[in-house]
């Protein structure tokens, strides 16, 4: 297991469990508001995991590109972030 992602892998497994739980609630015909509340909690957990992965990316990948002085790699990392923020904004 990649050490830098170990906590986020565990978080993703919990989110996976939440998704299964929501599907089960739907199969059981549970109250819609309860289902939506669980979906909202899962979305919040996913946003938190995404923010942490972005932080890891900044701390490792981008920092490496800046430190090694490779302007092409720096440009690539910058472009990746711009594209990511464009997707997030949609």
N, C-alpha and C. Protein backbone atom coordinates (compact mmCIF):
# COMPACT_ATOMS: atom_id res chain seq x y z
N UNK A 1 0.85 -1.18 0.00
CA UNK A 1 0.00 0.00 0.00
C UNK A 1 0.90 1.24 0.00
N UNK A 2 0.52 2.21 -0.79
CA UNK A 2 1.27 3.45 -0.85
C UNK A 2 1.07 4.21 0.46
N UNK A 3 2.14 4.44 1.17
CA UNK A 3 2.08 5.03 2.52
C UNK A 3 1.43 6.41 2.53
N UNK A 4 1.72 7.23 1.52
CA UNK A 4 1.17 8.59 1.55
C UNK A 4 -0.35 8.61 1.38
N UNK A 5 -0.93 7.51 0.87
CA UNK A 5 -2.37 7.45 0.68
C UNK A 5 -3.07 6.54 1.69
N UNK A 6 -2.36 5.99 2.65
CA UNK A 6 -2.96 4.96 3.52
C UNK A 6 -4.22 5.45 4.25
N UNK A 7 -4.19 6.65 4.79
CA UNK A 7 -5.38 7.16 5.48
C UNK A 7 -6.53 7.40 4.51
N UNK A 8 -6.20 7.87 3.31
CA UNK A 8 -7.25 8.14 2.33
C UNK A 8 -7.83 6.85 1.76
N UNK A 9 -7.02 5.81 1.67
CA UNK A 9 -7.53 4.51 1.24
C UNK A 9 -8.55 4.01 2.26
N UNK A 10 -8.22 4.14 3.54
CA UNK A 10 -9.15 3.73 4.59
C UNK A 10 -10.43 4.57 4.51
N UNK A 11 -10.28 5.86 4.27
CA UNK A 11 -11.45 6.73 4.14
C UNK A 11 -12.31 6.31 2.95
N UNK A 12 -11.67 5.97 1.84
CA UNK A 12 -12.43 5.53 0.67
C UNK A 12 -13.17 4.23 0.93
N UNK A 13 -12.59 3.36 1.72
CA UNK A 13 -13.27 2.11 2.08
C UNK A 13 -14.51 2.40 2.94
N UNK A 14 -14.42 3.40 3.83
CA UNK A 14 -15.58 3.79 4.62
C UNK A 14 -16.67 4.38 3.71
N UNK A 15 -16.25 5.19 2.76
CA UNK A 15 -17.20 5.79 1.81
C UNK A 15 -17.86 4.69 0.99
N UNK A 16 -17.09 3.70 0.59
CA UNK A 16 -17.64 2.56 -0.14
C UNK A 16 -18.71 1.87 0.71
N UNK A 17 -18.45 1.71 2.00
CA UNK A 17 -19.43 1.12 2.91
C UNK A 17 -20.68 1.98 3.02
N UNK A 18 -20.48 3.30 3.03
CA UNK A 18 -21.63 4.20 3.06
C UNK A 18 -22.49 4.02 1.81
N UNK A 19 -21.84 3.89 0.66
CA UNK A 19 -22.58 3.71 -0.60
C UNK A 19 -23.38 2.42 -0.56
N UNK A 20 -22.78 1.35 -0.05
CA UNK A 20 -23.52 0.09 0.07
C UNK A 20 -24.69 0.24 1.03
N UNK A 21 -24.47 0.96 2.12
CA UNK A 21 -25.54 1.19 3.09
C UNK A 21 -26.70 1.98 2.48
N UNK A 22 -26.37 2.96 1.67
CA UNK A 22 -27.41 3.75 1.00
C UNK A 22 -28.19 2.88 0.03
N UNK A 23 -27.50 2.05 -0.73
CA UNK A 23 -28.19 1.15 -1.67
C UNK A 23 -29.14 0.23 -0.90
N UNK A 24 -28.69 -0.27 0.24
CA UNK A 24 -29.53 -1.15 1.05
C UNK A 24 -30.76 -0.39 1.56
N UNK A 25 -30.56 0.86 2.00
CA UNK A 25 -31.68 1.67 2.44
C UNK A 25 -32.71 1.82 1.32
N UNK A 26 -32.22 2.03 0.11
CA UNK A 26 -33.11 2.19 -1.03
C UNK A 26 -33.85 0.88 -1.32
N UNK A 27 -33.14 -0.24 -1.25
CA UNK A 27 -33.76 -1.55 -1.47
C UNK A 27 -34.86 -1.80 -0.44
N UNK A 28 -34.64 -1.35 0.76
CA UNK A 28 -35.60 -1.55 1.85
C UNK A 28 -36.75 -0.55 1.81
N UNK A 29 -36.66 0.43 0.92
CA UNK A 29 -37.71 1.43 0.81
C UNK A 29 -37.74 2.40 1.97
N UNK A 30 -36.56 2.69 2.52
CA UNK A 30 -36.47 3.61 3.66
C UNK A 30 -36.92 5.01 3.26
N UNK A 31 -37.18 5.81 4.26
CA UNK A 31 -37.67 7.17 4.08
C UNK A 31 -36.67 7.98 3.25
N UNK A 32 -37.19 8.68 2.23
CA UNK A 32 -36.33 9.40 1.27
C UNK A 32 -35.40 10.41 1.95
N UNK A 33 -35.90 11.12 2.94
CA UNK A 33 -35.07 12.13 3.61
C UNK A 33 -33.89 11.46 4.31
N UNK A 34 -34.11 10.29 4.90
CA UNK A 34 -33.00 9.56 5.54
C UNK A 34 -31.96 9.16 4.50
N UNK A 35 -32.42 8.72 3.34
CA UNK A 35 -31.49 8.34 2.26
C UNK A 35 -30.69 9.56 1.81
N UNK A 36 -31.38 10.67 1.60
CA UNK A 36 -30.71 11.89 1.15
C UNK A 36 -29.71 12.37 2.20
N UNK A 37 -30.06 12.28 3.47
CA UNK A 37 -29.12 12.66 4.53
C UNK A 37 -27.86 11.81 4.49
N UNK A 38 -28.01 10.52 4.25
CA UNK A 38 -26.85 9.65 4.15
C UNK A 38 -26.02 9.98 2.91
N UNK A 39 -26.69 10.32 1.81
CA UNK A 39 -25.98 10.73 0.59
C UNK A 39 -25.19 12.01 0.84
N UNK A 40 -25.79 12.94 1.58
CA UNK A 40 -25.11 14.19 1.90
C UNK A 40 -23.86 13.93 2.74
N UNK A 41 -23.98 13.02 3.70
CA UNK A 41 -22.81 12.67 4.52
C UNK A 41 -21.73 12.03 3.66
N UNK A 42 -22.12 11.16 2.73
CA UNK A 42 -21.15 10.51 1.86
C UNK A 42 -20.46 11.54 0.95
N UNK A 43 -21.23 12.49 0.43
CA UNK A 43 -20.64 13.53 -0.41
C UNK A 43 -19.63 14.37 0.38
N UNK A 44 -19.95 14.67 1.63
CA UNK A 44 -19.03 15.45 2.46
C UNK A 44 -17.74 14.66 2.70
N UNK A 45 -17.87 13.37 2.95
CA UNK A 45 -16.69 12.53 3.16
C UNK A 45 -15.85 12.47 1.89
N UNK A 46 -16.49 12.38 0.75
CA UNK A 46 -15.77 12.34 -0.53
C UNK A 46 -15.07 13.67 -0.80
N UNK A 47 -15.74 14.78 -0.51
CA UNK A 47 -15.10 16.10 -0.69
C UNK A 47 -13.88 16.22 0.21
N UNK A 48 -13.98 15.73 1.42
CA UNK A 48 -12.86 15.79 2.35
C UNK A 48 -11.69 14.95 1.85
N UNK A 49 -11.98 13.77 1.33
CA UNK A 49 -10.93 12.91 0.78
C UNK A 49 -10.28 13.57 -0.44
N UNK A 50 -11.11 14.19 -1.27
CA UNK A 50 -10.57 14.87 -2.46
C UNK A 50 -9.65 16.01 -2.06
N UNK A 51 -10.04 16.77 -1.05
CA UNK A 51 -9.20 17.88 -0.57
C UNK A 51 -7.87 17.36 -0.04
N UNK A 52 -7.91 16.24 0.67
CA UNK A 52 -6.67 15.68 1.22
C UNK A 52 -5.75 15.19 0.10
N UNK A 53 -6.32 14.54 -0.92
CA UNK A 53 -5.50 14.08 -2.05
C UNK A 53 -4.88 15.28 -2.76
N UNK A 54 -5.63 16.36 -2.91
CA UNK A 54 -5.07 17.57 -3.52
C UNK A 54 -3.93 18.11 -2.68
N UNK A 55 -4.09 18.08 -1.38
CA UNK A 55 -3.03 18.52 -0.48
C UNK A 55 -1.78 17.65 -0.63
N UNK A 56 -1.98 16.35 -0.72
CA UNK A 56 -0.86 15.42 -0.93
C UNK A 56 -0.17 15.74 -2.26
N UNK A 57 -0.98 16.01 -3.29
CA UNK A 57 -0.42 16.33 -4.60
C UNK A 57 0.45 17.59 -4.52
N UNK A 58 -0.06 18.59 -3.83
CA UNK A 58 0.70 19.84 -3.69
C UNK A 58 1.98 19.62 -2.90
N UNK A 59 1.89 18.81 -1.86
CA UNK A 59 3.05 18.59 -0.99
C UNK A 59 4.11 17.72 -1.63
N UNK A 60 3.73 16.87 -2.55
CA UNK A 60 4.70 15.95 -3.13
C UNK A 60 4.98 16.27 -4.60
N UNK A 61 3.99 16.12 -5.44
CA UNK A 61 4.20 16.24 -6.88
C UNK A 61 4.59 17.65 -7.31
N UNK A 62 3.86 18.63 -6.84
CA UNK A 62 4.15 20.00 -7.23
C UNK A 62 5.45 20.47 -6.60
N UNK A 63 5.63 20.15 -5.34
CA UNK A 63 6.88 20.53 -4.66
C UNK A 63 8.09 19.93 -5.37
N UNK A 64 7.99 18.68 -5.79
CA UNK A 64 9.09 18.04 -6.52
C UNK A 64 9.39 18.77 -7.82
N UNK A 65 8.33 19.16 -8.54
CA UNK A 65 8.53 19.87 -9.80
C UNK A 65 9.21 21.22 -9.58
N UNK A 66 8.84 21.90 -8.52
CA UNK A 66 9.45 23.20 -8.22
C UNK A 66 10.91 23.03 -7.81
N UNK A 67 11.17 22.05 -6.96
CA UNK A 67 12.53 21.84 -6.47
C UNK A 67 13.50 21.38 -7.55
N UNK A 68 13.00 20.57 -8.50
CA UNK A 68 13.94 20.07 -9.51
C UNK A 68 14.23 21.09 -10.60
N UNK A 69 13.46 22.19 -10.63
CA UNK A 69 13.74 23.27 -11.57
C UNK A 69 13.36 22.99 -13.01
N UNK A 70 12.66 21.90 -13.28
CA UNK A 70 12.25 21.55 -14.64
C UNK A 70 11.02 22.37 -15.01
N UNK A 71 11.21 23.38 -15.84
CA UNK A 71 10.11 24.29 -16.16
C UNK A 71 8.99 23.59 -16.93
N UNK A 72 9.31 22.59 -17.76
CA UNK A 72 8.27 21.85 -18.48
C UNK A 72 7.39 21.07 -17.50
N UNK A 73 8.03 20.45 -16.51
CA UNK A 73 7.26 19.70 -15.51
C UNK A 73 6.44 20.66 -14.64
N UNK A 74 7.02 21.80 -14.33
CA UNK A 74 6.29 22.79 -13.54
C UNK A 74 5.04 23.26 -14.30
N UNK A 75 5.20 23.50 -15.58
CA UNK A 75 4.08 23.94 -16.43
C UNK A 75 3.02 22.84 -16.48
N UNK A 76 3.45 21.59 -16.60
CA UNK A 76 2.51 20.47 -16.65
C UNK A 76 1.69 20.39 -15.35
N UNK A 77 2.36 20.51 -14.21
CA UNK A 77 1.66 20.45 -12.92
C UNK A 77 0.70 21.63 -12.77
N UNK A 78 1.13 22.79 -13.23
CA UNK A 78 0.26 23.97 -13.18
C UNK A 78 -0.98 23.76 -14.05
N UNK A 79 -0.78 23.25 -15.26
CA UNK A 79 -1.89 22.98 -16.17
C UNK A 79 -2.85 21.95 -15.59
N UNK A 80 -2.30 20.93 -14.92
CA UNK A 80 -3.15 19.92 -14.27
C UNK A 80 -4.05 20.57 -13.23
N UNK A 81 -3.49 21.47 -12.43
CA UNK A 81 -4.28 22.14 -11.41
C UNK A 81 -5.35 23.03 -12.03
N UNK A 82 -5.01 23.76 -13.06
CA UNK A 82 -5.99 24.62 -13.73
C UNK A 82 -7.13 23.77 -14.28
N UNK A 83 -6.81 22.66 -14.92
CA UNK A 83 -7.84 21.76 -15.45
C UNK A 83 -8.70 21.19 -14.32
N UNK A 84 -8.08 20.82 -13.22
CA UNK A 84 -8.81 20.28 -12.08
C UNK A 84 -9.78 21.32 -11.53
N UNK A 85 -9.31 22.54 -11.33
CA UNK A 85 -10.18 23.58 -10.79
C UNK A 85 -11.32 23.88 -11.76
N UNK A 86 -11.07 23.77 -13.05
CA UNK A 86 -12.14 23.94 -14.03
C UNK A 86 -13.20 22.87 -13.88
N UNK A 87 -12.81 21.63 -13.62
CA UNK A 87 -13.76 20.54 -13.44
C UNK A 87 -14.54 20.71 -12.14
N UNK A 88 -13.86 21.14 -11.09
CA UNK A 88 -14.50 21.30 -9.79
C UNK A 88 -15.54 22.40 -9.84
N UNK A 89 -15.28 23.42 -10.62
CA UNK A 89 -16.19 24.56 -10.72
C UNK A 89 -17.46 24.28 -11.49
N UNK A 90 -17.53 23.16 -12.15
CA UNK A 90 -18.74 22.84 -12.95
C UNK A 90 -19.85 22.34 -12.11
